[in-house]
Amino acid sequence: MPVAYVTLTPGATAAENDLLGWAADRVLEHAAAPKAVTVLYALPVTAALTFKGNS
């Protein structure tokens, strides 16, 4: 199941349905559109400042 991981600008708020709708409008293949959203304070990165998945 596709999941979107997002960070918000400090002080910003967004409803999960709004984020899912925004993503669905931009993903070309319907099956690839996220079905859930997880809001993170910051994306995990490695020492080389690249995205660290599965953490």
Protein backbone atom coordinates (compact mmCIF):
# COMPACT_ATOMS: atom_id res chain seq x y z
CA MET A 1 0.00 0.00 0.00
CA PRO A 2 1.51 3.35 -1.02
CA VAL A 3 2.14 5.69 1.92
CA ALA A 4 3.17 9.34 1.77
CA TYR A 5 5.64 10.66 4.33
CA VAL A 6 5.48 14.42 4.69
CA THR A 7 6.95 17.20 6.76
CA LEU A 8 5.03 20.41 7.33
CA THR A 9 6.33 23.93 7.57
CA PRO A 10 6.56 24.92 11.26
CA GLY A 11 3.14 26.12 12.40
CA ALA A 12 1.35 24.66 9.37
CA THR A 13 -1.50 22.19 9.62
CA ALA A 14 -3.02 19.91 7.01
CA ALA A 15 -5.77 17.33 7.16
CA GLU A 16 -4.94 13.82 5.94
CA ASN A 17 -7.77 13.95 3.38
CA ASP A 18 -6.41 17.21 1.95
CA LEU A 19 -2.94 15.72 1.55
CA LEU A 20 -4.31 12.53 -0.01
CA GLY A 21 -6.38 14.57 -2.46
CA TRP A 22 -3.40 16.74 -3.36
CA ALA A 23 -1.27 13.65 -4.05
CA ALA A 24 -4.01 11.87 -6.01
CA ASP A 25 -4.29 14.88 -8.34
CA ARG A 26 -0.56 14.68 -9.13
CA VAL A 27 0.14 10.94 -9.40
CA LEU A 28 -0.49 9.70 -12.93
CA GLU A 29 -1.26 6.09 -12.04
CA HIS A 30 -4.24 5.75 -9.68
CA ALA A 31 -2.86 2.58 -8.05
CA ALA A 32 0.33 4.46 -7.11
CA ALA A 33 -1.46 7.25 -5.25
CA PRO A 34 -0.90 7.09 -1.48
CA LYS A 35 -3.63 5.53 0.62
CA ALA A 36 -2.27 6.88 3.92
CA VAL A 37 -0.20 9.85 5.11
CA THR A 38 2.35 9.90 7.92
CA VAL A 39 3.48 13.32 9.13
CA LEU A 40 7.08 13.43 10.39
CA TYR A 41 8.86 16.23 12.21
CA ALA A 42 11.86 15.67 9.93
CA LEU A 43 12.78 13.14 7.29
CA PRO A 44 15.45 10.70 8.49
CA VAL A 45 18.78 11.22 6.75
CA THR A 46 22.14 9.48 6.72
CA ALA A 47 25.45 11.09 7.67
CA ALA A 48 25.80 12.01 3.96
CA LEU A 49 22.46 13.89 4.20
CA THR A 50 20.62 11.49 1.88
CA PHE A 51 17.17 10.12 2.65
CA LYS A 52 17.31 7.09 4.94
CA GLY A 53 14.38 4.80 4.15
CA ASN A 54 13.02 2.03 6.38
CA SER A 55 13.99 3.68 9.65
